[in-house]
Amino acid sequence: MKALVHVASTKIPKASEQLVRVTQTSEQASNDILNTVDRMVSIIEEMENQSAAESSPESARQTAAKVAQSINILVDKSGWDDDVRELLSNWELHCQSTKRGNPDMRSKLADLRKDCTDVMMALQVQDITGQQISVVIGTIQALGDVLNGLMKHFADVAEFAKVSSDIPAVPASENVGADERKKFVDSLLVKARTGELLPH
């Protein structure tokens, strides 16, 4: 009985409190992670926009026009020597790369965006887990209430048994005579009038 009292009065409430703290801590950690992922998605969007702007045809055309002017000036001044041919070749390679943009960068940014989305989806499990733990907490608390009620009932029964042990035992009915029955009933009535039969 002592173990039951200890479990119902100490262990069950403590277990409920610990589960509540676990749920609150998990929820806070999930919120912090979601906020960080939101900031990451924002940065990824900025990088994607910047990458798109840098590889836009308009930007490439403007840069090409400026470099083409510089090459024309060099050609006018020095003719088509080897340095100018090398510059022109490098320029053509550069123009081709700007037309393509940076597909590797865009691919990596898309992968990062997908990873961020996967993290956000995985964190939704915390919400479901929190709901399930809340159900368990309610069950544990209800169990504690039932155990406390049972302990109170058993304590009342034990008290009644203690009081009723003072009542003389009724002899077997075949051996009971009228005088013995009258004495037994009289003793019960006296105890009932004085309140000795009721638990304290």
Protein backbone atom coordinates (compact mmCIF):
# COMPACT_ATOMS: atom_id res chain seq x y z
CA MET A 1 0.00 0.00 0.00
CA LYS A 2 2.91 2.36 0.77
CA ALA A 3 4.28 1.83 -2.75
CA LEU A 4 0.88 2.67 -4.24
CA VAL A 5 0.66 5.82 -2.13
CA HIS A 6 4.18 6.84 -3.23
CA VAL A 7 3.39 6.24 -6.91
CA ALA A 8 0.05 8.05 -6.82
CA SER A 9 1.21 11.01 -4.76
CA THR A 10 4.75 11.52 -6.07
CA LYS A 11 5.74 9.62 -9.19
CA ILE A 12 2.63 10.20 -11.34
CA PRO A 13 2.50 13.99 -10.83
CA LYS A 14 6.27 14.19 -11.40
CA ALA A 15 6.00 12.17 -14.64
CA SER A 16 3.22 14.48 -15.86
CA GLU A 17 5.31 17.58 -15.09
CA GLN A 18 8.33 16.12 -16.91
CA LEU A 19 6.26 15.35 -20.01
CA VAL A 20 4.86 18.89 -20.00
CA ARG A 21 8.42 20.30 -19.82
CA VAL A 22 9.57 17.99 -22.66
CA THR A 23 6.65 19.14 -24.81
CA GLN A 24 7.30 22.83 -24.10
CA THR A 25 11.05 22.50 -24.76
CA SER A 26 10.47 20.60 -28.01
CA GLU A 27 7.95 23.17 -29.17
CA GLN A 28 10.35 26.05 -28.43
CA ALA A 29 13.22 24.30 -30.24
CA SER A 30 10.98 23.64 -33.26
CA ASN A 31 9.92 27.29 -33.38
CA ASP A 32 13.56 28.41 -33.22
CA ILE A 33 14.51 26.04 -36.05
CA LEU A 34 11.55 27.18 -38.18
CA ASN A 35 12.53 30.83 -37.69
CA THR A 36 16.11 30.03 -38.77
CA VAL A 37 14.88 28.11 -41.83
CA ASP A 38 12.62 31.04 -42.75
CA ARG A 39 15.63 33.36 -42.68
CA MET A 40 17.59 30.87 -44.81
CA VAL A 41 14.79 30.74 -47.41
CA SER A 42 14.80 34.52 -47.53
CA ILE A 43 18.56 34.59 -48.16
CA ILE A 44 18.21 31.90 -50.84
CA GLU A 45 15.54 34.00 -52.60
CA GLU A 46 17.86 37.03 -52.55
CA MET A 47 20.70 34.94 -54.00
CA GLU A 48 18.41 33.51 -56.70
CA ASN A 49 17.24 36.99 -57.66
CA GLN A 50 20.81 38.27 -57.73
CA SER A 51 21.94 35.31 -59.84
CA ALA A 52 19.04 35.85 -62.26
CA ALA A 53 19.83 39.58 -62.54
CA GLU A 54 23.50 38.91 -63.20
CA SER A 55 22.69 36.43 -65.93
CA SER A 56 19.87 38.40 -67.49
CA PRO A 57 20.23 39.08 -71.22
CA GLU A 58 19.91 42.85 -70.66
CA SER A 59 22.80 42.91 -68.20
CA ALA A 60 24.91 40.77 -70.52
CA ARG A 61 24.12 43.04 -73.48
CA GLN A 62 25.11 46.15 -71.57
CA THR A 63 28.40 44.59 -70.49
CA ALA A 64 29.03 43.29 -74.02
CA ALA A 65 28.45 46.75 -75.50
CA LYS A 66 30.97 48.31 -73.11
CA VAL A 67 33.62 45.70 -73.79
CA ALA A 68 32.95 45.86 -77.53
CA GLN A 69 33.61 49.62 -77.43
CA SER A 70 36.90 49.01 -75.61
CA ILE A 71 37.94 46.38 -78.16
CA ASN A 72 37.08 48.67 -81.05
CA ILE A 73 39.21 51.42 -79.52
CA LEU A 74 42.11 48.97 -79.13
CA VAL A 75 41.70 47.75 -82.70
CA ASP A 76 41.70 51.32 -83.99
CA LYS A 77 44.82 52.14 -82.05
CA SER A 78 46.88 49.01 -82.55
CA GLY A 79 45.40 46.90 -85.29
CA TRP A 80 44.67 43.20 -85.02
CA ASP A 81 47.78 42.00 -83.29
CA ASP A 82 48.01 38.85 -81.15
CA ASP A 83 47.00 40.63 -77.92
CA VAL A 84 43.79 41.91 -79.45
CA ARG A 85 42.99 38.49 -80.92
CA GLU A 86 43.50 36.91 -77.45
CA LEU A 87 41.32 39.58 -75.87
CA LEU A 88 38.63 38.96 -78.44
CA SER A 89 38.79 35.20 -77.87
CA ASN A 90 38.52 35.63 -74.10
CA TRP A 91 35.68 38.05 -74.59
CA GLU A 92 33.75 35.54 -76.71
CA LEU A 93 34.18 32.90 -73.99
CA HIS A 94 32.95 35.38 -71.42
CA CYS A 95 29.88 36.24 -73.51
CA GLN A 96 29.03 32.56 -73.85
CA SER A 97 29.30 32.02 -70.10
CA THR A 98 27.07 35.02 -69.31
CA LYS A 99 24.43 33.75 -71.70
CA ARG A 100 24.36 30.48 -69.79
CA GLY A 101 24.38 32.20 -66.42
CA ASN A 102 25.63 30.02 -63.59
CA PRO A 103 23.54 26.86 -63.79
CA ASP A 104 25.60 25.23 -61.04
CA MET A 105 24.78 28.07 -58.63
CA ARG A 106 21.09 27.98 -59.53
CA SER A 107 21.03 24.22 -59.04
CA LYS A 108 22.67 24.51 -55.62
CA LEU A 109 20.24 27.23 -54.56
CA ALA A 110 17.31 25.06 -55.69
CA ASP A 111 18.73 22.17 -53.64
CA LEU A 112 19.05 24.42 -50.58
CA ARG A 113 15.46 25.62 -51.00
CA LYS A 114 14.26 21.99 -51.19
CA ASP A 115 16.26 21.09 -48.06
CA CYS A 116 14.68 24.01 -46.18
CA THR A 117 11.22 22.84 -47.22
CA ASP A 118 12.04 19.29 -46.07
CA VAL A 119 13.16 20.61 -42.66
CA MET A 120 9.91 22.57 -42.28
CA MET A 121 7.85 19.52 -43.18
CA ALA A 122 9.78 17.33 -40.74
CA LEU A 123 9.17 19.82 -37.92
CA GLN A 124 5.42 19.45 -38.37
CA VAL A 125 5.89 16.05 -36.73
CA GLN A 126 6.66 17.92 -33.50
CA ASP A 127 3.16 19.36 -33.47
CA ILE A 128 1.62 15.91 -33.89
CA THR A 129 3.95 14.47 -31.24
CA GLY A 130 3.03 17.29 -28.86
CA GLN A 131 -0.65 16.48 -29.29
CA GLN A 132 0.00 12.79 -28.59
CA ILE A 133 2.05 13.59 -25.50
CA SER A 134 -0.80 15.82 -24.25
CA VAL A 135 -3.13 12.81 -24.49
CA VAL A 136 -0.63 10.71 -22.52
CA ILE A 137 -0.35 13.44 -19.87
CA GLY A 138 -4.15 13.49 -19.51
CA THR A 139 -4.21 9.71 -19.18
CA ILE A 140 -1.48 9.73 -16.53
CA GLN A 141 -3.28 12.43 -14.56
CA ALA A 142 -6.58 10.50 -14.77
CA LEU A 143 -4.78 7.35 -13.59
CA GLY A 144 -3.36 9.30 -10.64
CA ASP A 145 -6.84 10.54 -9.74
CA VAL A 146 -8.23 6.98 -9.89
CA LEU A 147 -5.38 5.67 -7.72
CA ASN A 148 -5.91 8.47 -5.19
CA GLY A 149 -9.63 7.60 -5.10
CA LEU A 150 -8.85 3.91 -4.60
CA MET A 151 -6.41 4.72 -1.79
CA LYS A 152 -9.05 6.84 -0.07
CA HIS A 153 -11.59 4.04 -0.48
CA PHE A 154 -9.18 1.43 0.92
CA ALA A 155 -8.32 3.72 3.81
CA ASP A 156 -12.05 4.10 4.58
CA VAL A 157 -12.55 0.31 4.34
CA ALA A 158 -9.57 -0.30 6.61
CA GLU A 159 -10.94 2.16 9.14
CA PHE A 160 -14.34 0.49 9.02
CA ALA A 161 -12.72 -2.94 9.43
CA LYS A 162 -10.83 -1.67 12.48
CA VAL A 163 -14.02 -0.32 14.05
CA SER A 164 -16.05 -3.40 13.18
CA SER A 165 -13.39 -5.73 14.62
CA ASP A 166 -14.52 -4.55 18.04
CA ILE A 167 -17.96 -6.07 17.34
CA PRO A 168 -18.24 -9.55 18.77
CA ALA A 169 -18.33 -12.31 16.19
CA VAL A 170 -21.70 -13.87 15.48
CA PRO A 171 -21.66 -17.52 16.38
CA ALA A 172 -22.84 -20.04 13.82
CA SER A 173 -26.62 -19.84 13.43
CA GLU A 174 -27.30 -23.39 14.58
CA ASN A 175 -25.57 -22.66 17.89
CA VAL A 176 -27.20 -19.30 18.47
CA GLY A 177 -29.90 -19.16 21.01
CA ALA A 178 -32.36 -16.37 21.60
CA ASP A 179 -30.34 -14.95 24.49
CA GLU A 180 -27.12 -14.79 22.46
CA ARG A 181 -28.88 -13.11 19.52
CA LYS A 182 -30.42 -10.54 21.85
CA LYS A 183 -27.00 -9.75 23.42
CA PHE A 184 -25.41 -9.39 19.93
CA VAL A 185 -28.16 -7.08 18.65
CA ASP A 186 -28.04 -5.01 21.87
CA SER A 187 -24.24 -4.56 21.54
CA LEU A 188 -24.65 -3.46 17.91
CA LEU A 189 -27.34 -0.96 18.86
CA VAL A 190 -25.21 0.50 21.66
CA LYS A 191 -22.24 0.90 19.29
CA ALA A 192 -24.44 2.43 16.60
CA ARG A 193 -25.92 4.96 19.06
CA THR A 194 -22.50 6.02 20.29
CA GLY A 195 -21.13 6.28 16.73
CA GLU A 196 -18.56 3.54 17.19
CA LEU A 197 -19.68 1.75 14.00
CA LEU A 198 -19.03 4.76 11.74
CA PRO A 199 -15.52 5.38 10.40
CA HIS A 200 -13.81 8.43 11.85
